[in-house]
Amino acid sequence: MNSKSKTLPSFKTEEQERTFWESHDSADHVDWSRAERTRFPNLKPSSKAISLRLPIDLLERIKTAANKRDVPYQSLIKIWLSEKVDAG
């Protein structure tokens, strides 16, 4: 890598930063040869609690499906929603 890294712009929002990194190579801004591995054991993804009313029968069927897969039913709902959204 060049001894002189490009200066990073300042970002007003996370969206601006995300857009920047989608079209720029981090190697132009970071000397990865000096990077060190680290762990963030308490880092949790951002999430927001919502309230969702479901028919009792549907909820029971979801819980049964979750038990068969040995996962919490709320996690299974999130997986299914994500798959459906990604499928477009």
PDB file of N, CA and C in Angstrom:
ATOM      1  N   MET A   1       0.836  -1.187   0.000  1.00  0.00           N
ATOM      2  CA  MET A   1       0.000   0.000   0.000  1.00  0.00           C
ATOM      3  C   MET A   1       0.870   1.235   0.000  1.00  0.00           C
ATOM      4  N   ASN A   2       0.366   2.311  -0.560  1.00  0.00           N
ATOM      5  CA  ASN A   2       1.096   3.568  -0.550  1.00  0.00           C
ATOM      6  C   ASN A   2       1.353   3.999   0.879  1.00  0.00           C
ATOM      7  N   SER A   3       2.479   4.709   1.084  1.00  0.00           N
ATOM      8  CA  SER A   3       2.763   5.187   2.432  1.00  0.00           C
ATOM      9  C   SER A   3       1.801   6.310   2.812  1.00  0.00           C
ATOM     10  N   LYS A   4       1.168   6.912   1.830  1.00  0.00           N
ATOM     11  CA  LYS A   4       0.227   8.009   2.086  1.00  0.00           C
ATOM     12  C   LYS A   4      -1.186   7.531   1.766  1.00  0.00           C
ATOM     13  N   SER A   5      -2.013   7.405   2.774  1.00  0.00           N
ATOM     14  CA  SER A   5      -3.402   6.996   2.574  1.00  0.00           C
ATOM     15  C   SER A   5      -4.241   8.199   2.196  1.00  0.00           C
ATOM     16  N   LYS A   6      -5.291   7.925   1.441  1.00  0.00           N
ATOM     17  CA  LYS A   6      -6.230   8.988   1.113  1.00  0.00           C
ATOM     18  C   LYS A   6      -6.993   9.390   2.370  1.00  0.00           C
ATOM     19  N   THR A   7      -7.343  10.643   2.466  1.00  0.00           N
ATOM     20  CA  THR A   7      -8.097  11.136   3.608  1.00  0.00           C
ATOM     21  C   THR A   7      -9.553  10.708   3.482  1.00  0.00           C
ATOM     22  N   LEU A   8     -10.094  10.246   4.586  1.00  0.00           N
ATOM     23  CA  LEU A   8     -11.503   9.857   4.600  1.00  0.00           C
ATOM     24  C   LEU A   8     -12.375  11.094   4.721  1.00  0.00           C
ATOM     25  N   PRO A   9     -13.454  11.143   3.965  1.00  0.00           N
ATOM     26  CA  PRO A   9     -14.394  12.258   4.148  1.00  0.00           C
ATOM     27  C   PRO A   9     -15.149  12.069   5.465  1.00  0.00           C
ATOM     28  N   SER A  10     -15.706  13.139   5.974  1.00  0.00           N
ATOM     29  CA  SER A  10     -16.547  12.992   7.162  1.00  0.00           C
ATOM     30  C   SER A  10     -17.978  12.742   6.690  1.00  0.00           C
ATOM     31  N   PHE A  11     -18.676  11.896   7.422  1.00  0.00           N
ATOM     32  CA  PHE A  11     -20.026  11.500   7.040  1.00  0.00           C
ATOM     33  C   PHE A  11     -21.014  12.046   8.056  1.00  0.00           C
ATOM     34  N   LYS A  12     -22.104  12.590   7.568  1.00  0.00           N
ATOM     35  CA  LYS A  12     -23.134  13.114   8.460  1.00  0.00           C
ATOM     36  C   LYS A  12     -24.093  12.020   8.909  1.00  0.00           C
ATOM     37  N   THR A  13     -24.240  10.995   8.078  1.00  0.00           N
ATOM     38  CA  THR A  13     -25.157   9.909   8.412  1.00  0.00           C
ATOM     39  C   THR A  13     -24.514   8.565   8.084  1.00  0.00           C
ATOM     40  N   GLU A  14     -25.040   7.534   8.693  1.00  0.00           N
ATOM     41  CA  GLU A  14     -24.576   6.184   8.402  1.00  0.00           C
ATOM     42  C   GLU A  14     -24.860   5.829   6.944  1.00  0.00           C
ATOM     43  N   GLU A  15     -25.959   6.323   6.417  1.00  0.00           N
ATOM     44  CA  GLU A  15     -26.316   6.064   5.020  1.00  0.00           C
ATOM     45  C   GLU A  15     -25.258   6.639   4.074  1.00  0.00           C
ATOM     46  N   GLN A  16     -24.769   7.847   4.350  1.00  0.00           N
ATOM     47  CA  GLN A  16     -23.712   8.445   3.526  1.00  0.00           C
ATOM     48  C   GLN A  16     -22.452   7.584   3.567  1.00  0.00           C
ATOM     49  N   GLU A  17     -22.112   7.108   4.747  1.00  0.00           N
ATOM     50  CA  GLU A  17     -20.919   6.271   4.881  1.00  0.00           C
ATOM     51  C   GLU A  17     -21.094   4.954   4.129  1.00  0.00           C
ATOM     52  N   ARG A  18     -22.256   4.356   4.247  1.00  0.00           N
ATOM     53  CA  ARG A  18     -22.542   3.102   3.548  1.00  0.00           C
ATOM     54  C   ARG A  18     -22.416   3.292   2.035  1.00  0.00           C
ATOM     55  N   THR A  19     -22.988   4.374   1.531  1.00  0.00           N
ATOM     56  CA  THR A  19     -22.917   4.662   0.096  1.00  0.00           C
ATOM     57  C   THR A  19     -21.471   4.851  -0.348  1.00  0.00           C
ATOM     58  N   PHE A  20     -20.685   5.548   0.457  1.00  0.00           N
ATOM     59  CA  PHE A  20     -19.268   5.767   0.135  1.00  0.00           C
ATOM     60  C   PHE A  20     -18.537   4.436   0.011  1.00  0.00           C
ATOM     61  N   TRP A  21     -18.692   3.549   1.011  1.00  0.00           N
ATOM     62  CA  TRP A  21     -17.946   2.292   0.999  1.00  0.00           C
ATOM     63  C   TRP A  21     -18.430   1.323  -0.071  1.00  0.00           C
ATOM     64  N   GLU A  22     -19.649   1.509  -0.562  1.00  0.00           N
ATOM     65  CA  GLU A  22     -20.133   0.662  -1.659  1.00  0.00           C
ATOM     66  C   GLU A  22     -19.383   0.944  -2.952  1.00  0.00           C
ATOM     67  N   SER A  23     -18.781   2.124  -3.055  1.00  0.00           N
ATOM     68  CA  SER A  23     -18.119   2.489  -4.313  1.00  0.00           C
ATOM     69  C   SER A  23     -16.631   2.815  -4.149  1.00  0.00           C
ATOM     70  N   HIS A  24     -16.051   2.563  -2.981  1.00  0.00           N
ATOM     71  CA  HIS A  24     -14.637   2.843  -2.747  1.00  0.00           C
ATOM     72  C   HIS A  24     -13.953   1.632  -2.116  1.00  0.00           C
ATOM     73  N   ASP A  25     -12.675   1.483  -2.414  1.00  0.00           N
ATOM     74  CA  ASP A  25     -11.880   0.387  -1.872  1.00  0.00           C
ATOM     75  C   ASP A  25     -11.242   0.827  -0.558  1.00  0.00           C
ATOM     76  N   SER A  26     -11.456   0.050   0.486  1.00  0.00           N
ATOM     77  CA  SER A  26     -10.904   0.411   1.799  1.00  0.00           C
ATOM     78  C   SER A  26      -9.375   0.412   1.794  1.00  0.00           C
ATOM     79  N   ALA A  27      -8.753  -0.335   0.888  1.00  0.00           N
ATOM     80  CA  ALA A  27      -7.287  -0.383   0.826  1.00  0.00           C
ATOM     81  C   ALA A  27      -6.686   0.979   0.488  1.00  0.00           C
ATOM     82  N   ASP A  28      -7.470   1.861  -0.102  1.00  0.00           N
ATOM     83  CA  ASP A  28      -6.993   3.219  -0.388  1.00  0.00           C
ATOM     84  C   ASP A  28      -6.950   4.076   0.871  1.00  0.00           C
ATOM     85  N   HIS A  29      -7.592   3.625   1.929  1.00  0.00           N
ATOM     86  CA  HIS A  29      -7.734   4.437   3.133  1.00  0.00           C
ATOM     87  C   HIS A  29      -7.189   3.787   4.402  1.00  0.00           C
ATOM     88  N   VAL A  30      -6.975   2.476   4.356  1.00  0.00           N
ATOM     89  CA  VAL A  30      -6.550   1.741   5.540  1.00  0.00           C
ATOM     90  C   VAL A  30      -5.344   0.879   5.195  1.00  0.00           C
ATOM     91  N   ASP A  31      -4.344   0.884   6.047  1.00  0.00           N
ATOM     92  CA  ASP A  31      -3.186   0.014   5.873  1.00  0.00           C
ATOM     93  C   ASP A  31      -3.505  -1.322   6.536  1.00  0.00           C
ATOM     94  N   TRP A  32      -4.065  -2.248   5.772  1.00  0.00           N
ATOM     95  CA  TRP A  32      -4.517  -3.519   6.315  1.00  0.00           C
ATOM     96  C   TRP A  32      -3.375  -4.388   6.815  1.00  0.00           C
ATOM     97  N   SER A  33      -2.135  -4.105   6.390  1.00  0.00           N
ATOM     98  CA  SER A  33      -1.003  -4.899   6.883  1.00  0.00           C
ATOM     99  C   SER A  33      -0.747  -4.630   8.367  1.00  0.00           C
ATOM    100  N   ARG A  34      -1.262  -3.539   8.884  1.00  0.00           N
ATOM    101  CA  ARG A  34      -1.089  -3.185  10.296  1.00  0.00           C
ATOM    102  C   ARG A  34      -2.326  -3.542  11.132  1.00  0.00           C
ATOM    103  N   ALA A  35      -3.319  -4.136  10.509  1.00  0.00           N
ATOM    104  CA  ALA A  35      -4.559  -4.470  11.212  1.00  0.00           C
ATOM    105  C   ALA A  35      -4.327  -5.592  12.219  1.00  0.00           C
ATOM    106  N   GLU A  36      -5.049  -5.527  13.311  1.00  0.00           N
ATOM    107  CA  GLU A  36      -4.985  -6.564  14.334  1.00  0.00           C
ATOM    108  C   GLU A  36      -6.379  -7.138  14.546  1.00  0.00           C
ATOM    109  N   ARG A  37      -6.438  -8.436  14.789  1.00  0.00           N
ATOM    110  CA  ARG A  37      -7.725  -9.074  15.069  1.00  0.00           C
ATOM    111  C   ARG A  37      -8.216  -8.617  16.432  1.00  0.00           C
ATOM    112  N   THR A  38      -9.533  -8.464  16.532  1.00  0.00           N
ATOM    113  CA  THR A  38     -10.136  -8.097  17.802  1.00  0.00           C
ATOM    114  C   THR A  38     -11.480  -8.774  17.920  1.00  0.00           C
ATOM    115  N   ARG A  39     -12.026  -8.778  19.112  1.00  0.00           N
ATOM    116  CA  ARG A  39     -13.341  -9.381  19.356  1.00  0.00           C
ATOM    117  C   ARG A  39     -14.234  -8.347  20.019  1.00  0.00           C
ATOM    118  N   PHE A  40     -15.489  -8.405  19.709  1.00  0.00           N
ATOM    119  CA  PHE A  40     -16.498  -7.544  20.314  1.00  0.00           C
ATOM    120  C   PHE A  40     -17.582  -8.447  20.898  1.00  0.00           C
ATOM    121  N   PRO A  41     -17.340  -9.044  22.064  1.00  0.00           N
ATOM    122  CA  PRO A  41     -18.274 -10.043  22.590  1.00  0.00           C
ATOM    123  C   PRO A  41     -19.643  -9.485  22.959  1.00  0.00           C
ATOM    124  N   ASN A  42     -19.742  -8.206  23.231  1.00  0.00           N
ATOM    125  CA  ASN A  42     -21.031  -7.646  23.656  1.00  0.00           C
ATOM    126  C   ASN A  42     -21.744  -6.892  22.540  1.00  0.00           C
ATOM    127  N   LEU A  43     -21.193  -6.929  21.335  1.00  0.00           N
ATOM    128  CA  LEU A  43     -21.790  -6.225  20.211  1.00  0.00           C
ATOM    129  C   LEU A  43     -23.030  -6.972  19.736  1.00  0.00           C
ATOM    130  N   LYS A  44     -24.125  -6.259  19.658  1.00  0.00           N
ATOM    131  CA  LYS A  44     -25.371  -6.868  19.212  1.00  0.00           C
ATOM    132  C   LYS A  44     -25.925  -6.058  18.046  1.00  0.00           C
ATOM    133  N   PRO A  45     -26.509  -6.736  17.063  1.00  0.00           N
ATOM    134  CA  PRO A  45     -27.087  -5.995  15.949  1.00  0.00           C
ATOM    135  C   PRO A  45     -28.241  -5.104  16.412  1.00  0.00           C
ATOM    136  N   SER A  46     -28.394  -4.009  15.724  1.00  0.00           N
ATOM    137  CA  SER A  46     -29.511  -3.115  16.049  1.00  0.00           C
ATOM    138  C   SER A  46     -30.823  -3.813  15.717  1.00  0.00           C
ATOM    139  N   SER A  47     -31.770  -3.647  16.571  1.00  0.00           N
ATOM    140  CA  SER A  47     -33.084  -4.213  16.308  1.00  0.00           C
ATOM    141  C   SER A  47     -34.126  -3.331  16.984  1.00  0.00           C
ATOM    142  N   LYS A  48     -35.359  -3.536  16.577  1.00  0.00           N
ATOM    143  CA  LYS A  48     -36.459  -2.765  17.137  1.00  0.00           C
ATOM    144  C   LYS A  48     -37.597  -3.731  17.423  1.00  0.00           C
ATOM    145  N   ALA A  49     -38.130  -3.630  18.610  1.00  0.00           N
ATOM    146  CA  ALA A  49     -39.257  -4.470  18.979  1.00  0.00           C
ATOM    147  C   ALA A  49     -40.524  -3.952  18.303  1.00  0.00           C
ATOM    148  N   ILE A  50     -41.316  -4.892  17.784  1.00  0.00           N
ATOM    149  CA  ILE A  50     -42.602  -4.535  17.191  1.00  0.00           C
ATOM    150  C   ILE A  50     -43.678  -5.414  17.803  1.00  0.00           C
ATOM    151  N   SER A  51     -44.890  -4.988  17.648  1.00  0.00           N
ATOM    152  CA  SER A  51     -46.023  -5.790  18.092  1.00  0.00           C
ATOM    153  C   SER A  51     -46.737  -6.291  16.835  1.00  0.00           C
ATOM    154  N   LEU A  52     -46.987  -7.572  16.795  1.00  0.00           N
ATOM    155  CA  LEU A  52     -47.612  -8.175  15.620  1.00  0.00           C
ATOM    156  C   LEU A  52     -48.715  -9.113  16.089  1.00  0.00           C
ATOM    157  N   ARG A  53     -49.919  -8.849  15.664  1.00  0.00           N
ATOM    158  CA  ARG A  53     -51.043  -9.710  16.041  1.00  0.00           C
ATOM    159  C   ARG A  53     -51.205 -10.804  14.988  1.00  0.00           C
ATOM    160  N   LEU A  54     -51.199 -12.040  15.471  1.00  0.00           N
ATOM    161  CA  LEU A  54     -51.353 -13.194  14.592  1.00  0.00           C
ATOM    162  C   LEU A  54     -52.531 -14.033  15.079  1.00  0.00           C
ATOM    163  N   PRO A  55     -53.217 -14.682  14.156  1.00  0.00           N
ATOM    164  CA  PRO A  55     -54.243 -15.629  14.591  1.00  0.00           C
ATOM    165  C   PRO A  55     -53.589 -16.733  15.436  1.00  0.00           C
ATOM    166  N   ILE A  56     -54.283 -17.165  16.476  1.00  0.00           N
ATOM    167  CA  ILE A  56     -53.723 -18.165  17.390  1.00  0.00           C
ATOM    168  C   ILE A  56     -53.290 -19.423  16.647  1.00  0.00           C
ATOM    169  N   ASP A  57     -54.110 -19.854  15.689  1.00  0.00           N
ATOM    170  CA  ASP A  57     -53.789 -21.055  14.920  1.00  0.00           C
ATOM    171  C   ASP A  57     -52.468 -20.890  14.162  1.00  0.00           C
ATOM    172  N   LEU A  58     -52.267 -19.734  13.550  1.00  0.00           N
ATOM    173  CA  LEU A  58     -51.023 -19.485  12.817  1.00  0.00           C
ATOM    174  C   LEU A  58     -49.833 -19.491  13.770  1.00  0.00           C
ATOM    175  N   LEU A  59     -49.961 -18.837  14.893  1.00  0.00           N
ATOM    176  CA  LEU A  59     -48.870 -18.803  15.865  1.00  0.00           C
ATOM    177  C   LEU A  59     -48.531 -20.214  16.354  1.00  0.00           C
ATOM    178  N   GLU A  60     -49.532 -21.023  16.602  1.00  0.00           N
ATOM    179  CA  GLU A  60     -49.281 -22.402  17.043  1.00  0.00           C
ATOM    180  C   GLU A  60     -48.554 -23.197  15.962  1.00  0.00           C
ATOM    181  N   ARG A  61     -48.945 -22.997  14.710  1.00  0.00           N
ATOM    182  CA  ARG A  61     -48.263 -23.701  13.604  1.00  0.00           C
ATOM    183  C   ARG A  61     -46.809 -23.243  13.493  1.00  0.00           C
ATOM    184  N   ILE A  62     -46.558 -21.948  13.694  1.00  0.00           N
ATOM    185  CA  ILE A  62     -45.188 -21.424  13.660  1.00  0.00           C
ATOM    186  C   ILE A  62     -44.371 -22.024  14.802  1.00  0.00           C
ATOM    187  N   LYS A  63     -44.958 -22.084  15.992  1.00  0.00           N
ATOM    188  CA  LYS A  63     -44.258 -22.661  17.138  1.00  0.00           C
ATOM    189  C   LYS A  63     -43.938 -24.136  16.908  1.00  0.00           C
ATOM    190  N   THR A  64     -44.857 -24.853  16.307  1.00  0.00           N
ATOM    191  CA  THR A  64     -44.613 -26.267  15.992  1.00  0.00           C
ATOM    192  C   THR A  64     -43.461 -26.406  15.002  1.00  0.00           C
ATOM    193  N   ALA A  65     -43.464 -25.576  13.971  1.00  0.00           N
ATOM    194  CA  ALA A  65     -42.379 -25.605  12.979  1.00  0.00           C
ATOM    195  C   ALA A  65     -41.040 -25.258  13.633  1.00  0.00           C
ATOM    196  N   ALA A  66     -41.054 -24.297  14.543  1.00  0.00           N
ATOM    197  CA  ALA A  66     -39.823 -23.898  15.238  1.00  0.00           C
ATOM    198  C   ALA A  66     -39.310 -25.037  16.126  1.00  0.00           C
ATOM    199  N   ASN A  67     -40.225 -25.697  16.835  1.00  0.00           N
ATOM    200  CA  ASN A  67     -39.819 -26.825  17.686  1.00  0.00           C
ATOM    201  C   ASN A  67     -39.185 -27.940  16.865  1.00  0.00           C
ATOM    202  N   LYS A  68     -39.731 -28.220  15.688  1.00  0.00           N
ATOM    203  CA  LYS A  68     -39.163 -29.257  14.812  1.00  0.00           C
ATOM    204  C   LYS A  68     -37.749 -28.900  14.387  1.00  0.00           C
ATOM    205  N   ARG A  69     -37.460 -27.592  14.255  1.00  0.00           N
ATOM    206  CA  ARG A  69     -36.135 -27.127  13.835  1.00  0.00           C
ATOM    207  C   ARG A  69     -35.234 -26.808  15.031  1.00  0.00           C
ATOM    208  N   ASP A  70     -35.787 -26.926  16.224  1.00  0.00           N
ATOM    209  CA  ASP A  70     -35.060 -26.644  17.465  1.00  0.00           C
ATOM    210  C   ASP A  70     -34.516 -25.205  17.489  1.00  0.00           C
ATOM    211  N   VAL A  71     -35.376 -24.260  17.112  1.00  0.00           N
ATOM    212  CA  VAL A  71     -35.041 -22.835  17.176  1.00  0.00           C
ATOM    213  C   VAL A  71     -36.198 -22.097  17.846  1.00  0.00           C
ATOM    214  N   PRO A  72     -35.919 -20.965  18.471  1.00  0.00           N
ATOM    215  CA  PRO A  72     -37.016 -20.180  19.040  1.00  0.00           C
ATOM    216  C   PRO A  72     -37.960 -19.705  17.929  1.00  0.00           C
ATOM    217  N   TYR A  73     -39.246 -19.677  18.233  1.00  0.00           N
ATOM    218  CA  TYR A  73     -40.220 -19.330  17.188  1.00  0.00           C
ATOM    219  C   TYR A  73     -40.027 -17.910  16.663  1.00  0.00           C
ATOM    220  N   GLN A  74     -39.611 -16.979  17.516  1.00  0.00           N
ATOM    221  CA  GLN A  74     -39.394 -15.614  17.039  1.00  0.00           C
ATOM    222  C   GLN A  74     -38.222 -15.556  16.065  1.00  0.00           C
ATOM    223  N   SER A  75     -37.182 -16.349  16.320  1.00  0.00           N
ATOM    224  CA  SER A  75     -36.046 -16.422  15.391  1.00  0.00           C
ATOM    225  C   SER A  75     -36.486 -16.999  14.057  1.00  0.00           C
ATOM    226  N   LEU A  76     -37.332 -18.021  14.101  1.00  0.00           N
ATOM    227  CA  LEU A  76     -37.823 -18.618  12.856  1.00  0.00           C
ATOM    228  C   LEU A  76     -38.644 -17.606  12.053  1.00  0.00           C
ATOM    229  N   ILE A  77     -39.458 -16.834  12.733  1.00  0.00           N
ATOM    230  CA  ILE A  77     -40.237 -15.796  12.041  1.00  0.00           C
ATOM    231  C   ILE A  77     -39.290 -14.812  11.339  1.00  0.00           C
ATOM    232  N   LYS A  78     -38.223 -14.399  12.041  1.00  0.00           N
ATOM    233  CA  LYS A  78     -37.257 -13.462  11.440  1.00  0.00           C
ATOM    234  C   LYS A  78     -36.564 -14.085  10.232  1.00  0.00           C
ATOM    235  N   ILE A  79     -36.211 -15.355  10.339  1.00  0.00           N
ATOM    236  CA  ILE A  79     -35.567 -16.048   9.213  1.00  0.00           C
ATOM    237  C   ILE A  79     -36.506 -16.080   8.012  1.00  0.00           C
ATOM    238  N   TRP A  80     -37.743 -16.486   8.255  1.00  0.00           N
ATOM    239  CA  TRP A  80     -38.713 -16.566   7.157  1.00  0.00           C
ATOM    240  C   TRP A  80     -38.971 -15.201   6.527  1.00  0.00           C
ATOM    241  N   LEU A  81     -39.117 -14.178   7.344  1.00  0.00           N
ATOM    242  CA  LEU A  81     -39.342 -12.835   6.795  1.00  0.00           C
ATOM    243  C   LEU A  81     -38.155 -12.385   5.950  1.00  0.00           C
ATOM    244  N   SER A  82     -36.952 -12.627   6.452  1.00  0.00           N
ATOM    245  CA  SER A  82     -35.758 -12.236   5.711  1.00  0.00           C
ATOM    246  C   SER A  82     -35.659 -12.972   4.368  1.00  0.00           C
ATOM    247  N   GLU A  83     -35.921 -14.276   4.388  1.00  0.00           N
ATOM    248  CA  GLU A  83     -35.879 -15.060   3.153  1.00  0.00           C
ATOM    249  C   GLU A  83     -36.900 -14.545   2.142  1.00  0.00           C
ATOM    250  N   LYS A  84     -38.097 -14.243   2.613  1.00  0.00           N
ATOM    251  CA  LYS A  84     -39.161 -13.769   1.719  1.00  0.00           C
ATOM    252  C   LYS A  84     -38.806 -12.416   1.125  1.00  0.00           C
ATOM    253  N   VAL A  85     -38.277 -11.513   1.942  1.00  0.00           N
ATOM    254  CA  VAL A  85     -37.895 -10.185   1.441  1.00  0.00           C
ATOM    255  C   VAL A  85     -36.746 -10.314   0.437  1.00  0.00           C
ATOM    256  N   ASP A  86     -35.758 -11.150   0.749  1.00  0.00           N
ATOM    257  CA  ASP A  86     -34.612 -11.325  -0.149  1.00  0.00           C
ATOM    258  C   ASP A  86     -35.022 -11.949  -1.474  1.00  0.00           C
ATOM    259  N   ALA A  87     -36.048 -12.808  -1.445  1.00  0.00           N
ATOM    260  CA  ALA A  87     -36.515 -13.468  -2.672  1.00  0.00           C
ATOM    261  C   ALA A  87     -37.228 -12.471  -3.587  1.00  0.00           C
ATOM    262  N   GLY A  88     -37.665 -11.364  -2.998  1.00  0.00           N
ATOM    263  CA  GLY A  88     -38.263 -10.285  -3.776  1.00  0.00           C
ATOM    264  C   GLY A  88     -39.652 -10.545  -4.167  1.00  0.00           C
TER     265      GLY A  88
END
